[in-house]
C-alpha atoms as a PDB file:
ATOM      1  CA  MET A   1      65.029  34.565  -6.322  1.00  0.00           C
ATOM      2  CA  ILE A   2      61.456  34.868  -7.441  1.00  0.00           C
ATOM      3  CA  CYS A   3      58.388  33.033  -6.191  1.00  0.00           C
ATOM      4  CA  SER A   4      55.135  32.418  -8.038  1.00  0.00           C
ATOM      5  CA  SER A   5      52.033  30.814  -6.574  1.00  0.00           C
ATOM      6  CA  ARG A   6      48.530  29.674  -7.362  1.00  0.00           C
ATOM      7  CA  LEU A   7      45.690  27.828  -5.670  1.00  0.00           C
ATOM      8  CA  ALA A   8      44.295  24.639  -7.189  1.00  0.00           C
ATOM      9  CA  HIS A   9      41.630  22.008  -6.577  1.00  0.00           C
ATOM     10  CA  SER A  10      43.440  18.710  -7.134  1.00  0.00           C
ATOM     11  CA  PHE A  11      46.614  17.397  -5.485  1.00  0.00           C
ATOM     12  CA  GLN A  12      46.721  14.482  -7.928  1.00  0.00           C
ATOM     13  CA  ASN A  13      46.633  16.727 -10.993  1.00  0.00           C
ATOM     14  CA  LEU A  14      49.465  18.841  -9.634  1.00  0.00           C
ATOM     15  CA  ALA A  15      51.473  15.730  -8.739  1.00  0.00           C
ATOM     16  CA  ARG A  16      51.152  14.416 -12.304  1.00  0.00           C
ATOM     17  CA  TYR A  17      52.290  17.762 -13.686  1.00  0.00           C
ATOM     18  CA  LEU A  18      55.300  17.897 -11.373  1.00  0.00           C
ATOM     19  CA  GLU A  19      56.387  14.354 -12.295  1.00  0.00           C
ATOM     20  CA  SER A  20      55.642  14.304 -16.048  1.00  0.00           C
ATOM     21  CA  PRO A  21      58.567  15.209 -18.372  1.00  0.00           C
ATOM     22  CA  LYS A  22      58.062  18.262 -20.545  1.00  0.00           C
ATOM     23  CA  ALA A  23      57.631  17.832 -24.274  1.00  0.00           C
ATOM     24  CA  HIS A  24      60.957  17.742 -26.163  1.00  0.00           C
ATOM     25  CA  ARG A  25      62.822  17.539 -22.855  1.00  0.00           C
ATOM     26  CA  GLU A  26      62.394  13.833 -22.152  1.00  0.00           C
ATOM     27  CA  GLU A  27      66.177  13.392 -22.009  1.00  0.00           C
ATOM     28  CA  LYS A  28      66.441  15.777 -19.052  1.00  0.00           C
ATOM     29  CA  VAL A  29      65.801  14.736 -15.452  1.00  0.00           C
ATOM     30  CA  ARG A  30      62.416  16.104 -14.404  1.00  0.00           C
ATOM     31  CA  VAL A  31      62.578  15.357 -10.659  1.00  0.00           C
ATOM     32  CA  GLU A  32      66.051  15.601  -9.139  1.00  0.00           C
ATOM     33  CA  TRP A  33      64.909  15.052  -5.566  1.00  0.00           C
ATOM     34  CA  MET A  34      61.926  15.549  -3.282  1.00  0.00           C
ATOM     35  CA  GLU A  35      61.265  15.828   0.427  1.00  0.00           C
ATOM     36  CA  GLY A  36      58.140  15.752   2.537  1.00  0.00           C
ATOM     37  CA  ARG A  37      56.911  17.798   5.454  1.00  0.00           C
ATOM     38  CA  ASN A  38      54.281  16.314   7.801  1.00  0.00           C
ATOM     39  CA  VAL A  39      53.462  13.450   5.416  1.00  0.00           C
ATOM     40  CA  ILE A  40      53.985   9.716   5.854  1.00  0.00           C
ATOM     41  CA  SER A  41      54.720   8.727   2.247  1.00  0.00           C
ATOM     42  CA  ASP A  42      57.313  11.262   1.142  1.00  0.00           C
ATOM     43  CA  GLU A  43      59.084   8.995  -1.367  1.00  0.00           C
ATOM     44  CA  GLN A  44      56.191   8.860  -3.831  1.00  0.00           C
ATOM     45  CA  LEU A  45      54.498  12.064  -4.891  1.00  0.00           C
ATOM     46  CA  THR A  46      51.222  10.394  -5.847  1.00  0.00           C
ATOM     47  CA  ARG A  47      50.973   8.694  -2.438  1.00  0.00           C
ATOM     48  CA  ALA A  48      51.662  12.005  -0.704  1.00  0.00           C
ATOM     49  CA  ALA A  49      48.957  13.607  -2.850  1.00  0.00           C
ATOM     50  CA  GLN A  50      46.499  10.938  -1.709  1.00  0.00           C
ATOM     51  CA  GLU A  51      47.318  11.709   1.937  1.00  0.00           C
ATOM     52  CA  MET A  52      46.734  15.399   1.329  1.00  0.00           C
ATOM     53  CA  GLU A  53      43.427  14.782  -0.414  1.00  0.00           C
ATOM     54  CA  LEU A  54      42.261  12.662   2.542  1.00  0.00           C
ATOM     55  CA  VAL A  55      43.043  15.464   5.005  1.00  0.00           C
ATOM     56  CA  ALA A  56      41.518  18.143   2.750  1.00  0.00           C
ATOM     57  CA  SER A  57      38.305  16.124   2.415  1.00  0.00           C
ATOM     58  CA  ALA A  58      37.696  16.696   6.141  1.00  0.00           C
ATOM     59  CA  ASN A  59      36.888  20.338   5.348  1.00  0.00           C
ATOM     60  CA  LEU A  60      34.812  20.724   2.204  1.00  0.00           C
ATOM     61  CA  SER A  61      34.627  24.496   2.661  1.00  0.00           C
ATOM     62  CA  ALA A  62      38.217  24.724   1.389  1.00  0.00           C
ATOM     63  CA  ARG A  63      37.340  24.634  -2.308  1.00  0.00           C
ATOM     64  CA  ARG A  64      40.939  25.113  -3.441  1.00  0.00           C
ATOM     65  CA  PRO A  65      43.054  23.445  -0.765  1.00  0.00           C
ATOM     66  CA  VAL A  66      46.170  23.113  -2.933  1.00  0.00           C
ATOM     67  CA  LEU A  67      48.853  25.803  -2.729  1.00  0.00           C
ATOM     68  CA  HIS A  68      51.444  25.451  -5.484  1.00  0.00           C
ATOM     69  CA  LEU A  69      54.618  27.477  -4.947  1.00  0.00           C
ATOM     70  CA  SER A  70      57.509  27.744  -7.379  1.00  0.00           C
ATOM     71  CA  ILE A  71      60.801  29.268  -6.201  1.00  0.00           C
ATOM     72  CA  SER A  72      63.442  30.034  -8.844  1.00  0.00           C
ATOM     73  CA  TRP A  73      67.060  31.116  -8.528  1.00  0.00           C
ATOM     74  CA  ALA A  74      69.023  33.272 -10.964  1.00  0.00           C
ATOM     75  CA  PRO A  75      70.872  31.266 -13.672  1.00  0.00           C
ATOM     76  CA  GLU A  76      74.260  32.202 -12.159  1.00  0.00           C
ATOM     77  CA  ASP A  77      73.270  30.916  -8.694  1.00  0.00           C
ATOM     78  CA  ASP A  78      74.173  27.356  -7.759  1.00  0.00           C
ATOM     79  CA  PRO A  79      72.206  26.590  -4.577  1.00  0.00           C
ATOM     80  CA  SER A  80      72.795  23.358  -2.720  1.00  0.00           C
ATOM     81  CA  ARG A  81      69.934  21.082  -1.756  1.00  0.00           C
ATOM     82  CA  THR A  82      70.285  22.281   1.843  1.00  0.00           C
ATOM     83  CA  GLN A  83      70.014  25.921   0.761  1.00  0.00           C
ATOM     84  CA  MET A  84      66.985  25.230  -1.442  1.00  0.00           C
ATOM     85  CA  THR A  85      65.104  23.434   1.318  1.00  0.00           C
ATOM     86  CA  GLU A  86      66.015  26.140   3.828  1.00  0.00           C
ATOM     87  CA  VAL A  87      64.566  28.850   1.568  1.00  0.00           C
ATOM     88  CA  ALA A  88      61.416  26.778   0.993  1.00  0.00           C
ATOM     89  CA  ASP A  89      60.999  26.173   4.725  1.00  0.00           C
ATOM     90  CA  ARG A  90      61.398  29.885   5.418  1.00  0.00           C
ATOM     91  CA  VAL A  91      58.662  30.685   2.902  1.00  0.00           C
ATOM     92  CA  LEU A  92      56.374  28.062   4.432  1.00  0.00           C
ATOM     93  CA  GLU A  93      57.080  29.527   7.885  1.00  0.00           C
ATOM     94  CA  THR A  94      56.226  32.991   6.558  1.00  0.00           C
ATOM     95  CA  LEU A  95      52.893  31.669   5.300  1.00  0.00           C
ATOM     96  CA  ASN A  96      52.267  29.853   8.597  1.00  0.00           C
ATOM     97  CA  LEU A  97      52.245  26.534   6.742  1.00  0.00           C
ATOM     98  CA  HIS A  98      55.240  24.980   8.505  1.00  0.00           C
ATOM     99  CA  ASP A  99      53.048  22.405  10.278  1.00  0.00           C
ATOM    100  CA  HIS A 100      50.916  21.615   7.212  1.00  0.00           C
ATOM    101  CA  GLN A 101      51.459  18.763   4.752  1.00  0.00           C
ATOM    102  CA  THR A 102      53.929  19.773   2.067  1.00  0.00           C
ATOM    103  CA  MET A 103      56.051  18.131  -0.619  1.00  0.00           C
ATOM    104  CA  LEU A 104      59.168  19.863  -1.968  1.00  0.00           C
ATOM    105  CA  ILE A 105      60.134  18.879  -5.517  1.00  0.00           C
ATOM    106  CA  ALA A 106      63.341  20.070  -7.222  1.00  0.00           C
ATOM    107  CA  HIS A 107      63.347  20.006 -11.028  1.00  0.00           C
ATOM    108  CA  GLY A 108      66.411  19.692 -13.238  1.00  0.00           C
ATOM    109  CA  ASP A 109      64.978  20.412 -16.691  1.00  0.00           C
ATOM    110  CA  GLU A 110      65.666  24.156 -16.831  1.00  0.00           C
ATOM    111  CA  HIS A 111      68.851  26.206 -17.120  1.00  0.00           C
ATOM    112  CA  TYR A 112      68.263  27.622 -13.644  1.00  0.00           C
ATOM    113  CA  ALA A 113      67.672  25.988 -10.264  1.00  0.00           C
ATOM    114  CA  HIS A 114      64.073  25.892  -9.159  1.00  0.00           C
ATOM    115  CA  LEU A 115      61.940  24.190  -6.565  1.00  0.00           C
ATOM    116  CA  HIS A 116      58.225  23.461  -6.334  1.00  0.00           C
ATOM    117  CA  ALA A 117      56.185  23.111  -3.165  1.00  0.00           C
ATOM    118  CA  MET A 118      52.811  21.347  -3.071  1.00  0.00           C
ATOM    119  CA  ALA A 119      51.187  22.358   0.216  1.00  0.00           C
ATOM    120  CA  ASN A 120      47.853  21.545   1.814  1.00  0.00           C
ATOM    121  CA  ARG A 121      46.070  24.617   3.183  1.00  0.00           C
ATOM    122  CA  VAL A 122      43.956  22.358   5.437  1.00  0.00           C
ATOM    123  CA  HIS A 123      45.695  21.670   8.746  1.00  0.00           C
ATOM    124  CA  PRO A 124      46.252  17.913   9.344  1.00  0.00           C
ATOM    125  CA  ILE A 125      44.977  18.066  12.960  1.00  0.00           C
ATOM    126  CA  THR A 126      42.534  20.964  13.303  1.00  0.00           C
ATOM    127  CA  HIS A 127      41.299  20.627   9.696  1.00  0.00           C
ATOM    128  CA  ARG A 128      41.041  24.389   9.519  1.00  0.00           C
ATOM    129  CA  PRO A 129      42.103  25.918   6.187  1.00  0.00           C
ATOM    130  CA  ARG A 130      44.928  28.442   6.232  1.00  0.00           C
ATOM    131  CA  THR A 131      43.666  31.748   4.841  1.00  0.00           C
ATOM    132  CA  LEU A 132      46.565  33.337   2.991  1.00  0.00           C
ATOM    133  CA  GLY A 133      45.333  36.843   2.197  1.00  0.00           C
ATOM    134  CA  LEU A 134      47.764  39.276   0.561  1.00  0.00           C
ATOM    135  CA  TYR A 135      51.016  37.485   1.252  1.00  0.00           C
ATOM    136  CA  TYR A 136      53.269  38.683  -1.601  1.00  0.00           C
ATOM    137  CA  ARG A 137      55.048  41.338   0.456  1.00  0.00           C
ATOM    138  CA  SER A 138      55.830  38.865   3.258  1.00  0.00           C
ATOM    139  CA  VAL A 139      57.188  36.252   0.831  1.00  0.00           C
ATOM    140  CA  GLU A 140      59.319  38.837  -0.987  1.00  0.00           C
ATOM    141  CA  ARG A 141      60.754  40.023   2.316  1.00  0.00           C
ATOM    142  CA  THR A 142      61.711  36.436   3.174  1.00  0.00           C
ATOM    143  CA  LEU A 143      63.408  35.940  -0.211  1.00  0.00           C
ATOM    144  CA  ARG A 144      65.294  39.252  -0.056  1.00  0.00           C
ATOM    145  CA  ILE A 145      66.733  38.418   3.376  1.00  0.00           C
ATOM    146  CA  ALA A 146      67.675  34.875   2.280  1.00  0.00           C
ATOM    147  CA  GLU A 147      69.401  36.180  -0.872  1.00  0.00           C
ATOM    148  CA  ARG A 148      71.590  38.553   1.084  1.00  0.00           C
ATOM    149  CA  GLU A 149      72.439  36.001   3.775  1.00  0.00           C
ATOM    150  CA  MET A 150      73.231  33.201   1.302  1.00  0.00           C
ATOM    151  CA  LYS A 151      75.068  35.448  -1.190  1.00  0.00           C
ATOM    152  CA  PHE A 152      72.672  34.780  -4.056  1.00  0.00           C
ATOM    153  CA  ARG A 153      71.941  37.323  -6.754  1.00  0.00           C
ATOM    154  CA  GLU A 154      69.652  39.955  -5.253  1.00  0.00           C
ATOM    155  CA  THR A 155      66.365  40.429  -7.091  1.00  0.00           C
ATOM    156  CA  PRO A 156      64.405  43.332  -5.570  1.00  0.00           C
ATOM    157  CA  GLY A 157      60.669  42.689  -5.657  1.00  0.00           C
ATOM    158  CA  TYR A 158      57.783  44.955  -6.508  1.00  0.00           C
ATOM    159  CA  TYR A 159      56.374  44.750  -2.984  1.00  0.00           C
ATOM    160  CA  TYR A 160      59.482  44.695  -0.785  1.00  0.00           C
ATOM    161  CA  GLN A 161      63.064  45.952  -1.056  1.00  0.00           C
ATOM    162  CA  LEU A 162      65.926  45.824   1.414  1.00  0.00           C
ATOM    163  CA  PRO A 163      67.870  49.010   2.251  1.00  0.00           C
ATOM    164  CA  GLY A 164      69.874  50.038  -0.801  1.00  0.00           C
ATOM    165  CA  GLN A 165      67.558  48.285  -3.253  1.00  0.00           C
ATOM    166  CA  SER A 166      65.206  49.948  -5.725  1.00  0.00           C
ATOM    167  CA  PRO A 167      61.938  48.524  -7.046  1.00  0.00           C
ATOM    168  CA  PRO A 168      62.320  46.898 -10.475  1.00  0.00           C
ATOM    169  CA  ASP A 169      61.265  48.647 -13.659  1.00  0.00           C
ATOM    170  CA  ARG A 170      57.962  47.099 -14.670  1.00  0.00           C
ATOM    171  CA  ARG A 171      58.851  47.697 -18.312  1.00  0.00           C
ATOM    172  CA  GLU A 172      61.328  44.840 -18.022  1.00  0.00           C
ATOM    173  CA  SER A 173      58.674  42.383 -16.800  1.00  0.00           C
ATOM    174  CA  LEU A 174      57.591  39.661 -19.213  1.00  0.00           C
ATOM    175  CA  THR A 175      54.663  37.328 -18.882  1.00  0.00           C
ATOM    176  CA  LYS A 176      55.568  33.700 -18.284  1.00  0.00           C
ATOM    177  CA  GLN A 177      54.436  32.775 -21.816  1.00  0.00           C
ATOM    178  CA  THR A 178      56.482  35.581 -23.374  1.00  0.00           C
ATOM    179  CA  HIS A 179      59.537  34.728 -21.296  1.00  0.00           C
ATOM    180  CA  LYS A 180      59.411  31.091 -22.382  1.00  0.00           C
ATOM    181  CA  ALA A 181      59.075  32.065 -26.037  1.00  0.00           C
ATOM    182  CA  THR A 182      62.073  34.365 -25.651  1.00  0.00           C
ATOM    183  CA  GLN A 183      64.184  31.657 -24.035  1.00  0.00           C
ATOM    184  CA  SER A 184      63.205  28.658 -26.158  1.00  0.00           C
ATOM    185  CA  ARG A 185      62.662  30.172 -29.611  1.00  0.00           C
ATOM    186  CA  GLY A 186      64.825  33.259 -29.454  1.00  0.00           C
ATOM    187  CA  GLU A 187      61.884  35.540 -30.202  1.00  0.00           C
ATOM    188  CA  VAL A 188      62.053  39.242 -29.392  1.00  0.00           C
ATOM    189  CA  PRO A 189      59.037  40.108 -27.177  1.00  0.00           C
ATOM    190  CA  PHE A 190      56.503  42.447 -28.783  1.00  0.00           C
ATOM    191  CA  GLN A 191      56.730  44.889 -25.877  1.00  0.00           C
ATOM    192  CA  VAL A 192      60.486  45.187 -26.505  1.00  0.00           C
ATOM    193  CA  LEU A 193      59.922  45.863 -30.209  1.00  0.00           C
ATOM    194  CA  VAL A 194      57.358  48.558 -29.385  1.00  0.00           C
ATOM    195  CA  ARG A 195      59.647  50.041 -26.749  1.00  0.00           C
ATOM    196  CA  ASP A 196      62.469  50.343 -29.295  1.00  0.00           C
ATOM    197  CA  VAL A 197      60.382  52.280 -31.832  1.00  0.00           C
ATOM    198  CA  ALA A 198      57.840  54.141 -29.701  1.00  0.00           C
ATOM    199  CA  GLU A 199      59.125  54.717 -26.158  1.00  0.00           C
ATOM    200  CA  GLU A 200      60.235  58.251 -27.037  1.00  0.00           C
ATOM    201  CA  ASP A 201      56.844  58.964 -28.609  1.00  0.00           C
ATOM    202  CA  PHE A 202      55.052  58.024 -25.380  1.00  0.00           C
ATOM    203  CA  ASP A 203      57.352  60.363 -23.461  1.00  0.00           C
ATOM    204  CA  ALA A 204      57.132  63.240 -25.967  1.00  0.00           C
ATOM    205  CA  ALA A 205      53.377  63.233 -26.713  1.00  0.00           C
ATOM    206  CA  ARG A 206      51.426  66.154 -25.262  1.00  0.00           C
ATOM    207  CA  SER A 207      47.845  65.051 -26.012  1.00  0.00           C
ATOM    208  CA  TRP A 208      45.868  61.980 -26.952  1.00  0.00           C
ATOM    209  CA  GLU A 209      45.695  63.223 -30.532  1.00  0.00           C
ATOM    210  CA  ASP A 210      49.458  63.725 -30.612  1.00  0.00           C
ATOM    211  CA  LEU A 211      50.109  60.249 -29.189  1.00  0.00           C
ATOM    212  CA  HIS A 212      47.712  58.542 -31.629  1.00  0.00           C
ATOM    213  CA  ALA A 213      49.368  60.319 -34.563  1.00  0.00           C
ATOM    214  CA  ARG A 214      52.859  59.328 -33.421  1.00  0.00           C
ATOM    215  CA  LEU A 215      51.921  55.669 -32.965  1.00  0.00           C
ATOM    216  CA  GLU A 216      50.093  55.535 -36.297  1.00  0.00           C
ATOM    217  CA  LYS A 217      53.404  56.274 -38.053  1.00  0.00           C
ATOM    218  CA  HIS A 218      54.709  52.982 -36.657  1.00  0.00           C
ATOM    219  CA  GLY A 219      51.562  51.029 -37.573  1.00  0.00           C
ATOM    220  CA  LEU A 220      50.493  50.925 -33.932  1.00  0.00           C
ATOM    221  CA  GLN A 221      47.338  51.948 -32.102  1.00  0.00           C
ATOM    222  CA  LEU A 222      46.041  52.215 -28.553  1.00  0.00           C
ATOM    223  CA  LEU A 223      43.096  50.245 -27.229  1.00  0.00           C
ATOM    224  CA  PRO A 224      41.401  50.195 -23.810  1.00  0.00           C
ATOM    225  CA  ARG A 225      41.804  46.892 -21.987  1.00  0.00           C
ATOM    226  CA  ARG A 226      40.071  46.387 -18.645  1.00  0.00           C
ATOM    227  CA  SER A 227      41.234  49.293 -16.489  1.00  0.00           C
ATOM    228  CA  GLY A 228      44.262  50.184 -18.604  1.00  0.00           C
ATOM    229  CA  LEU A 229      45.625  50.570 -22.112  1.00  0.00           C
ATOM    230  CA  VAL A 230      47.400  48.283 -24.547  1.00  0.00           C
ATOM    231  CA  VAL A 231      49.328  49.060 -27.710  1.00  0.00           C
ATOM    232  CA  THR A 232      48.830  46.753 -30.686  1.00  0.00           C
ATOM    233  CA  ASP A 233      49.738  46.165 -34.301  1.00  0.00           C
ATOM    234  CA  GLN A 234      46.431  44.237 -34.711  1.00  0.00           C
ATOM    235  CA  HIS A 235      48.281  40.950 -34.159  1.00  0.00           C
ATOM    236  CA  GLU A 236      50.093  41.241 -30.819  1.00  0.00           C
ATOM    237  CA  TYR A 237      49.432  43.308 -27.717  1.00  0.00           C
ATOM    238  CA  ALA A 238      51.526  44.868 -24.961  1.00  0.00           C
ATOM    239  CA  LYS A 239      50.556  46.833 -21.872  1.00  0.00           C
ATOM    240  CA  CYS A 240      51.464  50.479 -22.290  1.00  0.00           C
ATOM    241  CA  SER A 241      53.043  50.477 -18.834  1.00  0.00           C
ATOM    242  CA  SER A 242      55.492  47.813 -20.093  1.00  0.00           C
ATOM    243  CA  VAL A 243      56.559  50.041 -22.983  1.00  0.00           C
ATOM    244  CA  ALA A 244      57.310  53.358 -21.267  1.00  0.00           C
ATOM    245  CA  ARG A 245      57.706  54.308 -17.626  1.00  0.00           C
ATOM    246  CA  ASN A 246      54.935  56.943 -17.641  1.00  0.00           C
ATOM    247  CA  ALA A 247      52.605  55.301 -20.145  1.00  0.00           C
ATOM    248  CA  SER A 248      49.927  53.871 -17.866  1.00  0.00           C
ATOM    249  CA  LEU A 249      46.378  55.114 -18.435  1.00  0.00           C
ATOM    250  CA  ARG A 250      46.359  57.047 -15.149  1.00  0.00           C
ATOM    251  CA  LYS A 251      49.667  58.789 -15.807  1.00  0.00           C
ATOM    252  CA  LEU A 252      48.748  59.676 -19.397  1.00  0.00           C
ATOM    253  CA  GLU A 253      45.407  61.148 -18.302  1.00  0.00           C
ATOM    254  CA  GLU A 254      47.187  63.205 -15.659  1.00  0.00           C
ATOM    255  CA  ARG A 255      49.752  64.470 -18.139  1.00  0.00           C
ATOM    256  CA  PHE A 256      47.245  65.280 -20.903  1.00  0.00           C
ATOM    257  CA  GLY A 257      44.757  66.796 -18.488  1.00  0.00           C
ATOM    258  CA  GLU A 258      41.814  64.845 -19.897  1.00  0.00           C
ATOM    259  CA  SER A 259      40.329  61.374 -19.754  1.00  0.00           C
ATOM    260  CA  TRP A 260      40.949  58.698 -22.377  1.00  0.00           C
ATOM    261  CA  HIS A 261      40.099  59.588 -25.989  1.00  0.00           C
ATOM    262  CA  SER A 262      40.410  56.978 -28.718  1.00  0.00           C
ATOM    263  CA  ALA A 263      41.681  57.871 -32.189  1.00  0.00           C
ATOM    264  CA  HIS A 264      38.139  57.318 -33.473  1.00  0.00           C
ATOM    265  CA  ASP A 265      36.699  59.727 -30.894  1.00  0.00           C
ATOM    266  CA  ILE A 266      39.247  62.380 -31.812  1.00  0.00           C
ATOM    267  CA  THR A 267      38.480  62.012 -35.528  1.00  0.00           C
ATOM    268  CA  MET A 268      34.762  62.359 -34.857  1.00  0.00           C
ATOM    269  CA  ASP A 269      35.334  65.394 -32.638  1.00  0.00           C
ATOM    270  CA  ARG A 270      37.382  67.049 -35.363  1.00  0.00           C
ATOM    271  CA  GLN A 271      34.706  66.440 -37.998  1.00  0.00           C
ATOM    272  CA  ILE A 272      31.974  67.786 -35.717  1.00  0.00           C
ATOM    273  CA  GLN A 273      34.056  70.885 -35.030  1.00  0.00           C
ATOM    274  CA  GLN A 274      34.456  71.398 -38.778  1.00  0.00           C
ATOM    275  CA  LEU A 275      30.672  71.205 -39.263  1.00  0.00           C
ATOM    276  CA  ARG A 276      30.094  73.743 -36.485  1.00  0.00           C
ATOM    277  CA  GLN A 277      32.228  76.251 -38.384  1.00  0.00           C
ATOM    278  CA  VAL A 278      30.423  75.808 -41.730  1.00  0.00           C
ATOM    279  CA  ARG A 279      28.640  78.868 -43.177  1.00  0.00           C
ATOM    280  CA  ILE A 280      25.994  77.229 -45.343  1.00  0.00           C
ATOM    281  CA  GLN A 281      25.145  80.436 -47.217  1.00  0.00           C
ATOM    282  CA  ASP A 282      28.742  80.668 -48.472  1.00  0.00           C
ATOM    283  CA  LEU A 283      28.913  77.095 -49.799  1.00  0.00           C
ATOM    284  CA  THR A 284      28.964  76.164 -53.465  1.00  0.00           C
ATOM    285  CA  SER A 285      26.777  73.328 -54.725  1.00  0.00           C
ATOM    286  CA  GLN A 286      29.727  70.980 -54.510  1.00  0.00           C
ATOM    287  CA  GLY A 287      30.499  72.231 -50.996  1.00  0.00           C
ATOM    288  CA  LYS A 288      26.917  71.633 -49.867  1.00  0.00           C
ATOM    289  CA  GLN A 289      27.052  68.105 -51.245  1.00  0.00           C
ATOM    290  CA  SER A 290      30.244  67.398 -49.266  1.00  0.00           C
ATOM    291  CA  VAL A 291      28.759  68.823 -46.051  1.00  0.00           C
ATOM    292  CA  VAL A 292      25.569  66.787 -46.495  1.00  0.00           C
ATOM    293  CA  GLU A 293      27.560  63.562 -46.928  1.00  0.00           C
ATOM    294  CA  GLN A 294      29.654  64.278 -43.840  1.00  0.00           C
ATOM    295  CA  PHE A 295      26.585  65.152 -41.742  1.00  0.00           C
ATOM    296  CA  VAL A 296      24.756  61.979 -42.828  1.00  0.00           C
ATOM    297  CA  ARG A 297      27.782  59.812 -41.959  1.00  0.00           C
ATOM    298  CA  LEU A 298      28.057  61.340 -38.495  1.00  0.00           C
ATOM    299  CA  SER A 299      24.288  61.087 -37.906  1.00  0.00           C
ATOM    300  CA  GLY A 300      24.496  57.332 -38.386  1.00  0.00           C
ATOM    301  CA  LYS A 301      27.062  56.924 -35.610  1.00  0.00           C
ATOM    302  CA  GLY A 302      24.826  57.993 -32.728  1.00  0.00           C
ATOM    303  CA  LEU A 303      27.124  60.763 -31.516  1.00  0.00           C
ATOM    304  CA  GLY A 304      24.463  63.027 -30.038  1.00  0.00           C
ATOM    305  CA  LEU A 305      24.926  65.476 -32.888  1.00  0.00           C
ATOM    306  CA  GLN A 306      22.070  67.787 -31.963  1.00  0.00           C
ATOM    307  CA  MET A 307      23.610  68.561 -28.602  1.00  0.00           C
ATOM    308  CA  ARG A 308      27.176  68.769 -29.886  1.00  0.00           C
ATOM    309  CA  LEU A 309      26.401  70.905 -32.945  1.00  0.00           C
ATOM    310  CA  GLY A 310      23.807  73.125 -31.307  1.00  0.00           C
ATOM    311  CA  ARG A 311      20.131  73.255 -32.157  1.00  0.00           C
ATOM    312  CA  VAL A 312      20.407  76.003 -34.826  1.00  0.00           C
ATOM    313  CA  MET A 313      23.273  74.378 -36.787  1.00  0.00           C
ATOM    314  CA  TYR A 314      21.710  70.920 -36.488  1.00  0.00           C
ATOM    315  CA  ASP A 315      18.368  72.164 -37.875  1.00  0.00           C
ATOM    316  CA  SER A 316      20.156  74.011 -40.677  1.00  0.00           C
ATOM    317  CA  LEU A 317      22.077  70.922 -41.736  1.00  0.00           C
ATOM    318  CA  THR A 318      18.965  68.746 -41.468  1.00  0.00           C
ATOM    319  CA  SER A 319      17.136  71.188 -43.754  1.00  0.00           C
ATOM    320  CA  LEU A 320      20.068  71.072 -46.202  1.00  0.00           C
ATOM    321  CA  VAL A 321      19.900  67.297 -46.287  1.00  0.00           C
ATOM    322  CA  GLN A 322      16.164  67.417 -47.042  1.00  0.00           C
ATOM    323  CA  GLN A 323      16.720  69.906 -49.841  1.00  0.00           C
ATOM    324  CA  GLN A 324      19.439  67.706 -51.337  1.00  0.00           C
ATOM    325  CA  GLN A 325      17.169  64.652 -51.163  1.00  0.00           C
ATOM    326  CA  GLN A 326      14.343  66.532 -52.894  1.00  0.00           C
ATOM    327  CA  ARG A 327      16.667  67.600 -55.701  1.00  0.00           C
ATOM    328  CA  ASP A 328      17.895  64.054 -56.119  1.00  0.00           C
ATOM    329  CA  LEU A 329      14.270  62.926 -56.485  1.00  0.00           C
ATOM    330  CA  GLY A 330      13.556  65.718 -58.998  1.00  0.00           C
ATOM    331  CA  LEU A 331      11.020  67.409 -56.761  1.00  0.00           C
END
C-alpha cells in the first residue's frame, strides 16, 4: 500500500472532486461507498463538508484545515470494505485524528483499490488544529504492519521498512503525472528511456567533462535544477537520481572530487587554458588573427579573464588586439 497526502483550504472543493466522474470514465462508478467518522451527515459528502467547514471556521488560524489522504493497494490485492476501513482508521489513529471529523470515500474507477479520506484538522470540541509535522515515517510504519498482517503485497517505503525489507530504488519512482501517462497512454517514461541509453555512462564517467561528453553522444545534457541535477533532451527532463543509483549531484561531486561544472564552463576553461599556453612571438599572422578572435569572444562573456590568464598574458593579448584593430583601420 502507498499513501499520499496534501493540505487544502476548502472541504467543498475536495468533496466535488471526490464525487465528480473523471473525463472519459463516466461509465465507471466513481464512489463505491463512503463512511463518516464524527460527523452527523455521513450519507452526503457535500453535507459532511459543510459540517467540517462550520467546525473549522471556529479557528481561523488553521489556514489549511483540510487533510486529504489517498491510500492505494497493489493491483493484485483485493481488500474488503472492512479491511480498507480498518487500514484508514489505523492511519487516522497514527495521525491522532481518530476523534476528528473524517469522511472515507472508496473509488471504483481505477484498476486498483483505493480509498480517500477527507479529514478536518480542527478538533470538533476543542477547536484546536492538529499539527501534523513530519508524519511520513509513522504512516509508512502503519501501512507496513497492516500489509503483513492482512497478507497484502508488501511495499517497503522510503522512510520505514520492516525486518527483512529493503528501501525501494528511487530510480523506479515515477511522478504521479508520469505514472498516469504510462498507464493510460502506454508511453515509456523519459527517465526510463534515459536510463536505458545512459545509465552505464553515469556509472563509468570519471569527471564532469567525461560525463558531459558521454551524454552529448546521446543528444542529452545536464542542467542544474534547484539543489540537484536533471538530464534533458531539450524537451523532457528527468532527475539524475532517477536515472542511475549514484547520479545525484552530491554523489557525483564526491566521486569527481570537484563541485558542479557545466559543459559551457568546461569549454570556457579549456579555451582559457589554450590561451595561457600561446607564445605570441611564434604565431603567424593567421595564428594571431585566430587568437585575437578567441580572446575577444571570451572577453565578452565576463569570465574574469585578467585573473584567470594572469596579468602579463592578459596585457599581451590586449596589446595584440589593439594592433590588429589598428591594422584593420589602416593606421
